[in-house]
Structures are given as C-alpha cells and as structure tokens.
C-alpha cells in the first residue's frame, strides 16, 4: 500500500513564483528517490475557522498564503530508504542546497508528517 508525506506551510503571497521554482527543482529529488507523485497546492478556498484552520496551524500572516503538499510513495519502505539517503552525511544534491535553491518561506512554521492511507477510492 502507498505511503504519504504531508506538508502545510505559510508562504509569502509575493513569493508564489519563487515557491513554484523552488518546488519544481527540489521535488524532483523525491521522484528520483522513488516517489510516484508530488503535489503542491496553493490556497484558493481556505476558510478561517473559529477554533483552528490551515492558516492558524502554520501561523500564516495576512500577506501569506497556505500551501498544502504531499508526496506519494509506493510504500513506507521506499519512503524510509529515501529519507535515510537524504539525511546521510554523504548526500549531496544541488537541488537541495539552500544556497542554490533557497526556500522562499519560513521553514520553522512548516508542519509535516507521514501517513498510512486507510481508505483509497
């Protein structure tokens, strides 16, 4: 069964194109390491909740937009192997080099996690 890594982040709205360029370059690393699909979604209809919502979850400011992303892997083993490779001291890839592909957002407000699908239609 597939495995999903999910992400939510606040990105300065003015940095939308920079984010797209950053994602296109960096996300290709995941597919090279076995991901079957990477999806980056820019907020379009994201309501403000009374208790919580996507914006609150990443402390989005008025001049920021929420991005919801996921990486689909064929299975958890492939994902774990890819993450092990990326976290190793020997891993060097210019696409992930912050000097060559700087993140156009505050990474300290990124939320992420790995998810096991329980229903697929």
PDB file of N, CA and C in Angstrom:
ATOM      1  N   UNK A   1       0.843  -1.188   0.000  1.00  0.00           N
ATOM      2  CA  UNK A   1       0.000   0.000   0.000  1.00  0.00           C
ATOM      3  C   UNK A   1       0.882   1.242   0.000  1.00  0.00           C
ATOM      4  N   UNK A   2       0.404   2.297  -0.607  1.00  0.00           N
ATOM      5  CA  UNK A   2       1.173   3.538  -0.707  1.00  0.00           C
ATOM      6  C   UNK A   2       1.400   4.169   0.662  1.00  0.00           C
ATOM      7  N   UNK A   3       2.266   5.169   0.688  1.00  0.00           N
ATOM      8  CA  UNK A   3       2.572   5.918   1.905  1.00  0.00           C
ATOM      9  C   UNK A   3       2.639   7.386   1.513  1.00  0.00           C
ATOM     10  N   UNK A   4       2.142   8.262   2.382  1.00  0.00           N
ATOM     11  CA  UNK A   4       2.041   9.684   2.059  1.00  0.00           C
ATOM     12  C   UNK A   4       2.788  10.523   3.084  1.00  0.00           C
ATOM     13  N   UNK A   5       3.610  11.455   2.611  1.00  0.00           N
ATOM     14  CA  UNK A   5       4.172  12.508   3.452  1.00  0.00           C
ATOM     15  C   UNK A   5       3.357  13.756   3.156  1.00  0.00           C
ATOM     16  N   UNK A   6       2.811  14.397   4.197  1.00  0.00           N
ATOM     17  CA  UNK A   6       2.002  15.593   4.013  1.00  0.00           C
ATOM     18  C   UNK A   6       2.664  16.805   4.632  1.00  0.00           C
ATOM     19  N   UNK A   7       2.432  17.975   4.037  1.00  0.00           N
ATOM     20  CA  UNK A   7       3.062  19.219   4.464  1.00  0.00           C
ATOM     21  C   UNK A   7       2.073  20.373   4.381  1.00  0.00           C
ATOM     22  N   UNK A   8       2.165  21.302   5.325  1.00  0.00           N
ATOM     23  CA  UNK A   8       1.435  22.560   5.271  1.00  0.00           C
ATOM     24  C   UNK A   8       2.423  23.649   5.654  1.00  0.00           C
ATOM     25  N   UNK A   9       2.430  24.745   4.890  1.00  0.00           N
ATOM     26  CA  UNK A   9       3.362  25.843   5.149  1.00  0.00           C
ATOM     27  C   UNK A   9       2.739  27.165   4.731  1.00  0.00           C
ATOM     28  N   UNK A  10       3.155  28.225   5.412  1.00  0.00           N
ATOM     29  CA  UNK A  10       2.757  29.582   5.017  1.00  0.00           C
ATOM     30  C   UNK A  10       3.863  30.149   4.142  1.00  0.00           C
ATOM     31  N   UNK A  11       3.477  30.681   2.986  1.00  0.00           N
ATOM     32  CA  UNK A  11       4.438  31.253   2.039  1.00  0.00           C
ATOM     33  C   UNK A  11       4.019  32.691   1.745  1.00  0.00           C
ATOM     34  N   UNK A  12       4.963  33.628   1.803  1.00  0.00           N
ATOM     35  CA  UNK A  12       4.580  34.994   1.417  1.00  0.00           C
ATOM     36  C   UNK A  12       3.919  34.972   0.037  1.00  0.00           C
ATOM     37  N   UNK A  13       2.745  35.560  -0.055  1.00  0.00           N
ATOM     38  CA  UNK A  13       1.994  35.550  -1.304  1.00  0.00           C
ATOM     39  C   UNK A  13       2.827  36.107  -2.461  1.00  0.00           C
ATOM     40  N   UNK A  14       3.647  37.091  -2.181  1.00  0.00           N
ATOM     41  CA  UNK A  14       4.512  37.678  -3.216  1.00  0.00           C
ATOM     42  C   UNK A  14       5.557  36.686  -3.724  1.00  0.00           C
ATOM     43  N   UNK A  15       5.788  35.606  -2.991  1.00  0.00           N
ATOM     44  CA  UNK A  15       6.797  34.613  -3.379  1.00  0.00           C
ATOM     45  C   UNK A  15       6.216  33.402  -4.107  1.00  0.00           C
ATOM     46  N   UNK A  16       5.003  33.517  -4.615  1.00  0.00           N
ATOM     47  CA  UNK A  16       4.367  32.359  -5.261  1.00  0.00           C
ATOM     48  C   UNK A  16       5.242  31.784  -6.382  1.00  0.00           C
ATOM     49  N   UNK A  17       5.707  32.604  -7.289  1.00  0.00           N
ATOM     50  CA  UNK A  17       6.522  32.095  -8.399  1.00  0.00           C
ATOM     51  C   UNK A  17       7.842  31.517  -7.887  1.00  0.00           C
ATOM     52  N   UNK A  18       8.457  32.171  -6.909  1.00  0.00           N
ATOM     53  CA  UNK A  18       9.691  31.643  -6.316  1.00  0.00           C
ATOM     54  C   UNK A  18       9.435  30.278  -5.692  1.00  0.00           C
ATOM     55  N   UNK A  19       8.272  30.126  -5.042  1.00  0.00           N
ATOM     56  CA  UNK A  19       7.930  28.844  -4.433  1.00  0.00           C
ATOM     57  C   UNK A  19       7.778  27.762  -5.506  1.00  0.00           C
ATOM     58  N   UNK A  20       7.095  28.110  -6.586  1.00  0.00           N
ATOM     59  CA  UNK A  20       6.913  27.147  -7.676  1.00  0.00           C
ATOM     60  C   UNK A  20       8.270  26.691  -8.215  1.00  0.00           C
ATOM     61  N   UNK A  21       9.166  27.621  -8.437  1.00  0.00           N
ATOM     62  CA  UNK A  21      10.501  27.285  -8.943  1.00  0.00           C
ATOM     63  C   UNK A  21      11.273  26.436  -7.941  1.00  0.00           C
ATOM     64  N   UNK A  22      11.189  26.801  -6.654  1.00  0.00           N
ATOM     65  CA  UNK A  22      11.849  26.042  -5.587  1.00  0.00           C
ATOM     66  C   UNK A  22      11.315  24.604  -5.556  1.00  0.00           C
ATOM     67  N   UNK A  23       9.995  24.464  -5.620  1.00  0.00           N
ATOM     68  CA  UNK A  23       9.371  23.148  -5.554  1.00  0.00           C
ATOM     69  C   UNK A  23       9.704  22.303  -6.779  1.00  0.00           C
ATOM     70  N   UNK A  24       9.646  22.896  -7.962  1.00  0.00           N
ATOM     71  CA  UNK A  24       9.946  22.129  -9.179  1.00  0.00           C
ATOM     72  C   UNK A  24      11.352  21.541  -9.134  1.00  0.00           C
ATOM     73  N   UNK A  25      12.274  22.303  -8.619  1.00  0.00           N
ATOM     74  CA  UNK A  25      13.653  21.826  -8.540  1.00  0.00           C
ATOM     75  C   UNK A  25      13.812  20.809  -7.414  1.00  0.00           C
ATOM     76  N   UNK A  26      13.391  21.172  -6.219  1.00  0.00           N
ATOM     77  CA  UNK A  26      13.580  20.297  -5.062  1.00  0.00           C
ATOM     78  C   UNK A  26      12.746  19.037  -5.092  1.00  0.00           C
ATOM     79  N   UNK A  27      11.504  19.128  -5.573  1.00  0.00           N
ATOM     80  CA  UNK A  27      10.627  17.963  -5.574  1.00  0.00           C
ATOM     81  C   UNK A  27      11.123  16.846  -6.481  1.00  0.00           C
ATOM     82  N   UNK A  28      11.907  17.201  -7.484  1.00  0.00           N
ATOM     83  CA  UNK A  28      12.430  16.166  -8.383  1.00  0.00           C
ATOM     84  C   UNK A  28      13.363  15.209  -7.654  1.00  0.00           C
ATOM     85  N   UNK A  29      13.947  15.646  -6.540  1.00  0.00           N
ATOM     86  CA  UNK A  29      14.780  14.745  -5.738  1.00  0.00           C
ATOM     87  C   UNK A  29      13.932  13.589  -5.216  1.00  0.00           C
ATOM     88  N   UNK A  30      12.718  13.895  -4.754  1.00  0.00           N
ATOM     89  CA  UNK A  30      11.846  12.851  -4.227  1.00  0.00           C
ATOM     90  C   UNK A  30      11.486  11.829  -5.300  1.00  0.00           C
ATOM     91  N   UNK A  31      11.176  12.302  -6.504  1.00  0.00           N
ATOM     92  CA  UNK A  31      10.836  11.353  -7.561  1.00  0.00           C
ATOM     93  C   UNK A  31      12.059  10.535  -7.969  1.00  0.00           C
ATOM     94  N   UNK A  32      13.230  11.155  -7.947  1.00  0.00           N
ATOM     95  CA  UNK A  32      14.452  10.404  -8.248  1.00  0.00           C
ATOM     96  C   UNK A  32      14.710   9.308  -7.211  1.00  0.00           C
ATOM     97  N   UNK A  33      14.221   9.529  -5.989  1.00  0.00           N
ATOM     98  CA  UNK A  33      14.423   8.559  -4.914  1.00  0.00           C
ATOM     99  C   UNK A  33      13.246   7.604  -4.747  1.00  0.00           C
ATOM    100  N   UNK A  34      12.289   7.640  -5.693  1.00  0.00           N
ATOM    101  CA  UNK A  34      11.227   6.644  -5.684  1.00  0.00           C
ATOM    102  C   UNK A  34       9.816   7.130  -5.486  1.00  0.00           C
ATOM    103  N   UNK A  35       9.609   8.413  -5.202  1.00  0.00           N
ATOM    104  CA  UNK A  35       8.237   8.915  -5.056  1.00  0.00           C
ATOM    105  C   UNK A  35       7.502   8.758  -6.380  1.00  0.00           C
ATOM    106  N   UNK A  36       6.235   8.405  -6.296  1.00  0.00           N
ATOM    107  CA  UNK A  36       5.441   8.222  -7.504  1.00  0.00           C
ATOM    108  C   UNK A  36       4.712   9.498  -7.903  1.00  0.00           C
ATOM    109  N   UNK A  37       4.574  10.432  -6.934  1.00  0.00           N
ATOM    110  CA  UNK A  37       3.833  11.663  -7.219  1.00  0.00           C
ATOM    111  C   UNK A  37       4.159  12.696  -6.146  1.00  0.00           C
ATOM    112  N   UNK A  38       4.303  13.940  -6.579  1.00  0.00           N
ATOM    113  CA  UNK A  38       4.463  15.063  -5.657  1.00  0.00           C
ATOM    114  C   UNK A  38       3.463  16.132  -6.097  1.00  0.00           C
ATOM    115  N   UNK A  39       2.672  16.626  -5.145  1.00  0.00           N
ATOM    116  CA  UNK A  39       1.649  17.622  -5.452  1.00  0.00           C
ATOM    117  C   UNK A  39       1.841  18.826  -4.537  1.00  0.00           C
ATOM    118  N   UNK A  40       1.878  20.003  -5.127  1.00  0.00           N
ATOM    119  CA  UNK A  40       1.981  21.271  -4.398  1.00  0.00           C
ATOM    120  C   UNK A  40       0.706  22.057  -4.689  1.00  0.00           C
ATOM    121  N   UNK A  41      -0.014  22.476  -3.651  1.00  0.00           N
ATOM    122  CA  UNK A  41      -1.287  23.168  -3.833  1.00  0.00           C
ATOM    123  C   UNK A  41      -1.272  24.523  -3.136  1.00  0.00           C
ATOM    124  N   UNK A  42      -1.624  25.579  -3.867  1.00  0.00           N
ATOM    125  CA  UNK A  42      -1.682  26.948  -3.354  1.00  0.00           C
ATOM    126  C   UNK A  42      -3.113  27.225  -2.874  1.00  0.00           C
ATOM    127  N   UNK A  43      -3.269  27.822  -1.707  1.00  0.00           N
ATOM    128  CA  UNK A  43      -4.590  28.084  -1.130  1.00  0.00           C
ATOM    129  C   UNK A  43      -5.481  28.839  -2.111  1.00  0.00           C
ATOM    130  N   UNK A  44      -6.720  28.378  -2.216  1.00  0.00           N
ATOM    131  CA  UNK A  44      -7.705  29.010  -3.075  1.00  0.00           C
ATOM    132  C   UNK A  44      -8.993  29.279  -2.297  1.00  0.00           C
ATOM    133  N   UNK A  45      -9.465  28.290  -1.578  1.00  0.00           N
ATOM    134  CA  UNK A  45     -10.702  28.397  -0.806  1.00  0.00           C
ATOM    135  C   UNK A  45     -10.438  27.801   0.569  1.00  0.00           C
ATOM    136  N   UNK A  46      -9.740  28.560   1.407  1.00  0.00           N
ATOM    137  CA  UNK A  46      -9.316  28.085   2.720  1.00  0.00           C
ATOM    138  C   UNK A  46      -9.942  28.986   3.787  1.00  0.00           C
ATOM    139  N   UNK A  47     -11.079  28.563   4.316  1.00  0.00           N
ATOM    140  CA  UNK A  47     -11.790  29.419   5.264  1.00  0.00           C
ATOM    141  C   UNK A  47     -11.083  29.522   6.613  1.00  0.00           C
ATOM    142  N   UNK A  48     -11.328  30.653   7.269  1.00  0.00           N
ATOM    143  CA  UNK A  48     -10.819  30.856   8.622  1.00  0.00           C
ATOM    144  C   UNK A  48     -11.774  30.166   9.580  1.00  0.00           C
ATOM    145  N   UNK A  49     -11.232  29.327  10.448  1.00  0.00           N
ATOM    146  CA  UNK A  49     -12.064  28.618  11.411  1.00  0.00           C
ATOM    147  C   UNK A  49     -12.188  29.369  12.720  1.00  0.00           C
ATOM    148  N   UNK A  50     -13.163  28.987  13.537  1.00  0.00           N
ATOM    149  CA  UNK A  50     -13.341  29.609  14.849  1.00  0.00           C
ATOM    150  C   UNK A  50     -12.326  29.076  15.849  1.00  0.00           C
ATOM    151  N   UNK A  51     -11.967  27.820  15.740  1.00  0.00           N
ATOM    152  CA  UNK A  51     -11.035  27.208  16.683  1.00  0.00           C
ATOM    153  C   UNK A  51      -9.669  26.985  16.042  1.00  0.00           C
ATOM    154  N   UNK A  52      -9.666  26.369  14.859  1.00  0.00           N
ATOM    155  CA  UNK A  52      -8.416  26.118  14.156  1.00  0.00           C
ATOM    156  C   UNK A  52      -8.682  26.076  12.656  1.00  0.00           C
ATOM    157  N   UNK A  53      -7.622  26.170  11.884  1.00  0.00           N
ATOM    158  CA  UNK A  53      -7.722  26.104  10.431  1.00  0.00           C
ATOM    159  C   UNK A  53      -6.316  25.962   9.867  1.00  0.00           C
ATOM    160  N   UNK A  54      -6.219  25.856   8.552  1.00  0.00           N
ATOM    161  CA  UNK A  54      -4.906  25.698   7.931  1.00  0.00           C
ATOM    162  C   UNK A  54      -3.987  26.879   8.244  1.00  0.00           C
ATOM    163  N   UNK A  55      -4.514  28.089   8.139  1.00  0.00           N
ATOM    164  CA  UNK A  55      -3.699  29.276   8.394  1.00  0.00           C
ATOM    165  C   UNK A  55      -3.167  29.326   9.811  1.00  0.00           C
ATOM    166  N   UNK A  56      -4.042  29.058  10.781  1.00  0.00           N
ATOM    167  CA  UNK A  56      -3.612  29.062  12.180  1.00  0.00           C
ATOM    168  C   UNK A  56      -2.551  27.984  12.434  1.00  0.00           C
ATOM    169  N   UNK A  57      -2.681  26.865  11.752  1.00  0.00           N
ATOM    170  CA  UNK A  57      -1.755  25.751  12.000  1.00  0.00           C
ATOM    171  C   UNK A  57      -0.305  26.114  11.690  1.00  0.00           C
ATOM    172  N   UNK A  58      -0.106  27.064  10.777  1.00  0.00           N
ATOM    173  CA  UNK A  58       1.257  27.478  10.410  1.00  0.00           C
ATOM    174  C   UNK A  58       1.499  28.959  10.709  1.00  0.00           C
ATOM    175  N   UNK A  59       0.617  29.535  11.523  1.00  0.00           N
ATOM    176  CA  UNK A  59       0.724  30.941  11.921  1.00  0.00           C
ATOM    177  C   UNK A  59       0.849  31.874  10.712  1.00  0.00           C
ATOM    178  N   UNK A  60       0.020  31.620   9.699  1.00  0.00           N
ATOM    179  CA  UNK A  60       0.053  32.436   8.482  1.00  0.00           C
ATOM    180  C   UNK A  60      -0.312  33.885   8.795  1.00  0.00           C
ATOM    181  N   UNK A  61       0.430  34.787   8.200  1.00  0.00           N
ATOM    182  CA  UNK A  61       0.185  36.220   8.358  1.00  0.00           C
ATOM    183  C   UNK A  61      -0.703  36.702   7.209  1.00  0.00           C
ATOM    184  N   UNK A  62      -1.175  37.919   7.309  1.00  0.00           N
ATOM    185  CA  UNK A  62      -2.105  38.469   6.308  1.00  0.00           C
ATOM    186  C   UNK A  62      -1.521  38.482   4.902  1.00  0.00           C
ATOM    187  N   UNK A  63      -0.212  38.617   4.796  1.00  0.00           N
ATOM    188  CA  UNK A  63       0.429  38.677   3.477  1.00  0.00           C
ATOM    189  C   UNK A  63       0.985  37.322   3.029  1.00  0.00           C
ATOM    190  N   UNK A  64       0.493  36.245   3.644  1.00  0.00           N
ATOM    191  CA  UNK A  64       0.962  34.900   3.301  1.00  0.00           C
ATOM    192  C   UNK A  64      -0.192  34.029   2.823  1.00  0.00           C
ATOM    193  N   UNK A  65       0.144  33.038   2.020  1.00  0.00           N
ATOM    194  CA  UNK A  65      -0.816  32.047   1.550  1.00  0.00           C
ATOM    195  C   UNK A  65      -0.397  30.685   2.079  1.00  0.00           C
ATOM    196  N   UNK A  66      -1.374  29.827   2.282  1.00  0.00           N
ATOM    197  CA  UNK A  66      -1.092  28.481   2.759  1.00  0.00           C
ATOM    198  C   UNK A  66      -0.836  27.561   1.565  1.00  0.00           C
ATOM    199  N   UNK A  67       0.188  26.730   1.707  1.00  0.00           N
ATOM    200  CA  UNK A  67       0.488  25.704   0.712  1.00  0.00           C
ATOM    201  C   UNK A  67       0.285  24.350   1.382  1.00  0.00           C
ATOM    202  N   UNK A  68      -0.446  23.486   0.710  1.00  0.00           N
ATOM    203  CA  UNK A  68      -0.700  22.123   1.162  1.00  0.00           C
ATOM    204  C   UNK A  68      -0.056  21.204   0.131  1.00  0.00           C
ATOM    205  N   UNK A  69       0.828  20.326   0.576  1.00  0.00           N
ATOM    206  CA  UNK A  69       1.576  19.471  -0.349  1.00  0.00           C
ATOM    207  C   UNK A  69       1.593  18.042   0.153  1.00  0.00           C
ATOM    208  N   UNK A  70       1.813  17.132  -0.781  1.00  0.00           N
ATOM    209  CA  UNK A  70       2.048  15.761  -0.360  1.00  0.00           C
ATOM    210  C   UNK A  70       2.947  15.050  -1.354  1.00  0.00           C
ATOM    211  N   UNK A  71       3.631  14.071  -0.810  1.00  0.00           N
ATOM    212  CA  UNK A  71       4.487  13.186  -1.605  1.00  0.00           C
ATOM    213  C   UNK A  71       3.901  11.792  -1.473  1.00  0.00           C
ATOM    214  N   UNK A  72       3.648  11.170  -2.596  1.00  0.00           N
ATOM    215  CA  UNK A  72       3.125   9.805  -2.583  1.00  0.00           C
ATOM    216  C   UNK A  72       4.255   8.839  -2.909  1.00  0.00           C
ATOM    217  N   UNK A  73       4.406   7.864  -2.058  1.00  0.00           N
ATOM    218  CA  UNK A  73       5.437   6.829  -2.223  1.00  0.00           C
ATOM    219  C   UNK A  73       4.757   5.496  -2.496  1.00  0.00           C
ATOM    220  N   UNK A  74       5.423   4.567  -3.176  1.00  0.00           N
ATOM    221  CA  UNK A  74       4.791   3.268  -3.424  1.00  0.00           C
ATOM    222  C   UNK A  74       4.543   2.492  -2.130  1.00  0.00           C
ATOM    223  N   UNK A  75       5.389   2.744  -1.104  1.00  0.00           N
ATOM    224  CA  UNK A  75       5.250   2.077   0.180  1.00  0.00           C
ATOM    225  C   UNK A  75       6.144   2.784   1.204  1.00  0.00           C
ATOM    226  N   UNK A  76       5.971   2.449   2.474  1.00  0.00           N
ATOM    227  CA  UNK A  76       6.734   3.091   3.539  1.00  0.00           C
ATOM    228  C   UNK A  76       8.217   2.751   3.440  1.00  0.00           C
ATOM    229  N   UNK A  77       8.535   1.560   3.000  1.00  0.00           N
ATOM    230  CA  UNK A  77       9.937   1.155   2.886  1.00  0.00           C
ATOM    231  C   UNK A  77      10.694   2.047   1.905  1.00  0.00           C
ATOM    232  N   UNK A  78      10.068   2.357   0.762  1.00  0.00           N
ATOM    233  CA  UNK A  78      10.698   3.236  -0.224  1.00  0.00           C
ATOM    234  C   UNK A  78      10.879   4.624   0.363  1.00  0.00           C
ATOM    235  N   UNK A  79       9.863   5.113   1.062  1.00  0.00           N
ATOM    236  CA  UNK A  79       9.951   6.428   1.692  1.00  0.00           C
ATOM    237  C   UNK A  79      11.054   6.462   2.736  1.00  0.00           C
ATOM    238  N   UNK A  80      11.102   5.446   3.598  1.00  0.00           N
ATOM    239  CA  UNK A  80      12.121   5.418   4.647  1.00  0.00           C
ATOM    240  C   UNK A  80      13.531   5.352   4.059  1.00  0.00           C
ATOM    241  N   UNK A  81      13.700   4.584   2.991  1.00  0.00           N
ATOM    242  CA  UNK A  81      15.014   4.486   2.337  1.00  0.00           C
ATOM    243  C   UNK A  81      15.404   5.834   1.727  1.00  0.00           C
ATOM    244  N   UNK A  82      14.438   6.528   1.114  1.00  0.00           N
ATOM    245  CA  UNK A  82      14.713   7.834   0.521  1.00  0.00           C
ATOM    246  C   UNK A  82      15.117   8.836   1.596  1.00  0.00           C
ATOM    247  N   UNK A  83      14.389   8.853   2.707  1.00  0.00           N
ATOM    248  CA  UNK A  83      14.711   9.788   3.789  1.00  0.00           C
ATOM    249  C   UNK A  83      16.074   9.465   4.409  1.00  0.00           C
ATOM    250  N   UNK A  84      16.375   8.203   4.536  1.00  0.00           N
ATOM    251  CA  UNK A  84      17.685   7.804   5.064  1.00  0.00           C
ATOM    252  C   UNK A  84      18.796   8.307   4.142  1.00  0.00           C
ATOM    253  N   UNK A  85      18.586   8.164   2.845  1.00  0.00           N
ATOM    254  CA  UNK A  85      19.563   8.654   1.868  1.00  0.00           C
ATOM    255  C   UNK A  85      19.732  10.160   1.986  1.00  0.00           C
ATOM    256  N   UNK A  86      18.608  10.886   2.037  1.00  0.00           N
ATOM    257  CA  UNK A  86      18.667  12.347   2.086  1.00  0.00           C
ATOM    258  C   UNK A  86      19.284  12.870   3.381  1.00  0.00           C
ATOM    259  N   UNK A  87      19.136  12.145   4.467  1.00  0.00           N
ATOM    260  CA  UNK A  87      19.660  12.596   5.760  1.00  0.00           C
ATOM    261  C   UNK A  87      21.098  12.152   6.011  1.00  0.00           C
ATOM    262  N   UNK A  88      21.638  11.327   5.131  1.00  0.00           N
ATOM    263  CA  UNK A  88      23.003  10.840   5.345  1.00  0.00           C
ATOM    264  C   UNK A  88      24.022  11.949   5.083  1.00  0.00           C
ATOM    265  N   UNK A  89      25.136  11.854   5.764  1.00  0.00           N
ATOM    266  CA  UNK A  89      26.210  12.841   5.597  1.00  0.00           C
ATOM    267  C   UNK A  89      26.752  12.858   4.174  1.00  0.00           C
ATOM    268  N   UNK A  90      26.651  11.735   3.487  1.00  0.00           N
ATOM    269  CA  UNK A  90      27.193  11.617   2.134  1.00  0.00           C
ATOM    270  C   UNK A  90      26.268  12.195   1.060  1.00  0.00           C
ATOM    271  N   UNK A  91      25.032  12.534   1.431  1.00  0.00           N
ATOM    272  CA  UNK A  91      24.071  13.013   0.440  1.00  0.00           C
ATOM    273  C   UNK A  91      24.398  14.448   0.036  1.00  0.00           C
ATOM    274  N   UNK A  92      24.670  14.628  -1.227  1.00  0.00           N
ATOM    275  CA  UNK A  92      24.874  15.970  -1.767  1.00  0.00           C
ATOM    276  C   UNK A  92      24.090  16.062  -3.066  1.00  0.00           C
ATOM    277  N   UNK A  93      23.215  17.026  -3.120  1.00  0.00           N
ATOM    278  CA  UNK A  93      22.421  17.241  -4.317  1.00  0.00           C
ATOM    279  C   UNK A  93      22.140  18.735  -4.386  1.00  0.00           C
ATOM    280  N   UNK A  94      22.586  19.364  -5.456  1.00  0.00           N
ATOM    281  CA  UNK A  94      22.434  20.810  -5.599  1.00  0.00           C
ATOM    282  C   UNK A  94      20.984  21.257  -5.503  1.00  0.00           C
ATOM    283  N   UNK A  95      20.062  20.398  -5.879  1.00  0.00           N
ATOM    284  CA  UNK A  95      18.646  20.766  -5.832  1.00  0.00           C
ATOM    285  C   UNK A  95      18.165  20.996  -4.398  1.00  0.00           C
ATOM    286  N   UNK A  96      18.868  20.402  -3.426  1.00  0.00           N
ATOM    287  CA  UNK A  96      18.501  20.559  -2.023  1.00  0.00           C
ATOM    288  C   UNK A  96      19.453  21.492  -1.280  1.00  0.00           C
ATOM    289  N   UNK A  97      20.380  22.088  -1.987  1.00  0.00           N
ATOM    290  CA  UNK A  97      21.352  23.002  -1.379  1.00  0.00           C
ATOM    291  C   UNK A  97      20.668  24.351  -1.135  1.00  0.00           C
ATOM    292  N   UNK A  98      20.543  24.771   0.145  1.00  0.00           N
ATOM    293  CA  UNK A  98      19.847  26.023   0.438  1.00  0.00           C
ATOM    294  C   UNK A  98      20.491  27.259  -0.191  1.00  0.00           C
ATOM    295  N   UNK A  99      21.758  27.170  -0.541  1.00  0.00           N
ATOM    296  CA  UNK A  99      22.407  28.315  -1.195  1.00  0.00           C
ATOM    297  C   UNK A  99      22.048  28.374  -2.680  1.00  0.00           C
ATOM    298  N   UNK A 100      21.797  27.231  -3.285  1.00  0.00           N
ATOM    299  CA  UNK A 100      21.471  27.184  -4.711  1.00  0.00           C
ATOM    300  C   UNK A 100      19.969  27.130  -4.963  1.00  0.00           C
ATOM    301  N   UNK A 101      19.203  26.672  -3.972  1.00  0.00           N
ATOM    302  CA  UNK A 101      17.751  26.603  -4.086  1.00  0.00           C
ATOM    303  C   UNK A 101      17.142  27.046  -2.748  1.00  0.00           C
ATOM    304  N   UNK A 102      17.264  28.349  -2.438  1.00  0.00           N
ATOM    305  CA  UNK A 102      16.780  28.825  -1.134  1.00  0.00           C
ATOM    306  C   UNK A 102      15.262  28.717  -0.988  1.00  0.00           C
ATOM    307  N   UNK A 103      14.844  28.366   0.214  1.00  0.00           N
ATOM    308  CA  UNK A 103      13.414  28.267   0.499  1.00  0.00           C
ATOM    309  C   UNK A 103      12.816  29.667   0.607  1.00  0.00           C
ATOM    310  N   UNK A 104      11.767  29.958  -0.163  1.00  0.00           N
ATOM    311  CA  UNK A 104      11.143  31.284  -0.125  1.00  0.00           C
ATOM    312  C   UNK A 104      10.057  31.384   0.952  1.00  0.00           C
ATOM    313  N   UNK A 105      10.311  30.774   2.111  1.00  0.00           N
ATOM    314  CA  UNK A 105       9.350  30.764   3.211  1.00  0.00           C
ATOM    315  C   UNK A 105      10.097  30.505   4.507  1.00  0.00           C
ATOM    316  N   UNK A 106       9.397  30.662   5.622  1.00  0.00           N
ATOM    317  CA  UNK A 106       9.959  30.398   6.945  1.00  0.00           C
ATOM    318  C   UNK A 106       9.737  28.934   7.292  1.00  0.00           C
ATOM    319  N   UNK A 107      10.776  28.129   7.153  1.00  0.00           N
ATOM    320  CA  UNK A 107      10.667  26.694   7.384  1.00  0.00           C
ATOM    321  C   UNK A 107      10.353  26.301   8.817  1.00  0.00           C
ATOM    322  N   UNK A 108      10.515  27.222   9.756  1.00  0.00           N
ATOM    323  CA  UNK A 108      10.209  26.885  11.153  1.00  0.00           C
ATOM    324  C   UNK A 108       8.708  26.719  11.381  1.00  0.00           C
ATOM    325  N   UNK A 109       7.891  27.209  10.439  1.00  0.00           N
ATOM    326  CA  UNK A 109       6.437  27.073  10.578  1.00  0.00           C
ATOM    327  C   UNK A 109       5.872  25.973   9.688  1.00  0.00           C
ATOM    328  N   UNK A 110       6.709  25.178   9.102  1.00  0.00           N
ATOM    329  CA  UNK A 110       6.288  24.031   8.298  1.00  0.00           C
ATOM    330  C   UNK A 110       5.799  22.926   9.226  1.00  0.00           C
ATOM    331  N   UNK A 111       4.646  22.354   8.916  1.00  0.00           N
ATOM    332  CA  UNK A 111       4.219  21.159   9.639  1.00  0.00           C
ATOM    333  C   UNK A 111       4.187  20.011   8.633  1.00  0.00           C
ATOM    334  N   UNK A 112       4.575  18.846   9.093  1.00  0.00           N
ATOM    335  CA  UNK A 112       4.650  17.701   8.190  1.00  0.00           C
ATOM    336  C   UNK A 112       4.481  16.411   8.972  1.00  0.00           C
ATOM    337  N   UNK A 113       4.228  15.353   8.252  1.00  0.00           N
ATOM    338  CA  UNK A 113       4.129  14.033   8.866  1.00  0.00           C
ATOM    339  C   UNK A 113       3.929  12.975   7.816  1.00  0.00           C
ATOM    340  N   UNK A 114       4.169  11.734   8.224  1.00  0.00           N
ATOM    341  CA  UNK A 114       3.967  10.587   7.360  1.00  0.00           C
ATOM    342  C   UNK A 114       2.639   9.923   7.685  1.00  0.00           C
ATOM    343  N   UNK A 115       1.932   9.500   6.643  1.00  0.00           N
ATOM    344  CA  UNK A 115       0.593   8.970   6.807  1.00  0.00           C
ATOM    345  C   UNK A 115       0.404   7.671   6.044  1.00  0.00           C
ATOM    346  N   UNK A 116      -0.249   6.731   6.702  1.00  0.00           N
ATOM    347  CA  UNK A 116      -0.621   5.469   6.077  1.00  0.00           C
ATOM    348  C   UNK A 116      -2.062   5.586   5.589  1.00  0.00           C
ATOM    349  N   UNK A 117      -2.290   5.460   4.302  1.00  0.00           N
ATOM    350  CA  UNK A 117      -3.667   5.539   3.804  1.00  0.00           C
ATOM    351  C   UNK A 117      -4.530   4.435   4.414  1.00  0.00           C
ATOM    352  N   UNK A 118      -5.752   4.801   4.778  1.00  0.00           N
ATOM    353  CA  UNK A 118      -6.667   3.798   5.332  1.00  0.00           C
ATOM    354  C   UNK A 118      -7.893   3.587   4.433  1.00  0.00           C
ATOM    355  N   UNK A 119      -8.141   4.538   3.522  1.00  0.00           N
ATOM    356  CA  UNK A 119      -9.208   4.386   2.532  1.00  0.00           C
ATOM    357  C   UNK A 119      -8.691   4.966   1.227  1.00  0.00           C
ATOM    358  N   UNK A 120      -8.773   4.217   0.160  1.00  0.00           N
ATOM    359  CA  UNK A 120      -8.410   4.716  -1.169  1.00  0.00           C
ATOM    360  C   UNK A 120      -9.533   4.324  -2.122  1.00  0.00           C
ATOM    361  N   UNK A 121     -10.023   5.295  -2.892  1.00  0.00           N
ATOM    362  CA  UNK A 121     -11.090   5.025  -3.863  1.00  0.00           C
ATOM    363  C   UNK A 121     -10.565   5.249  -5.253  1.00  0.00           C
TER     364      UNK A 121
END
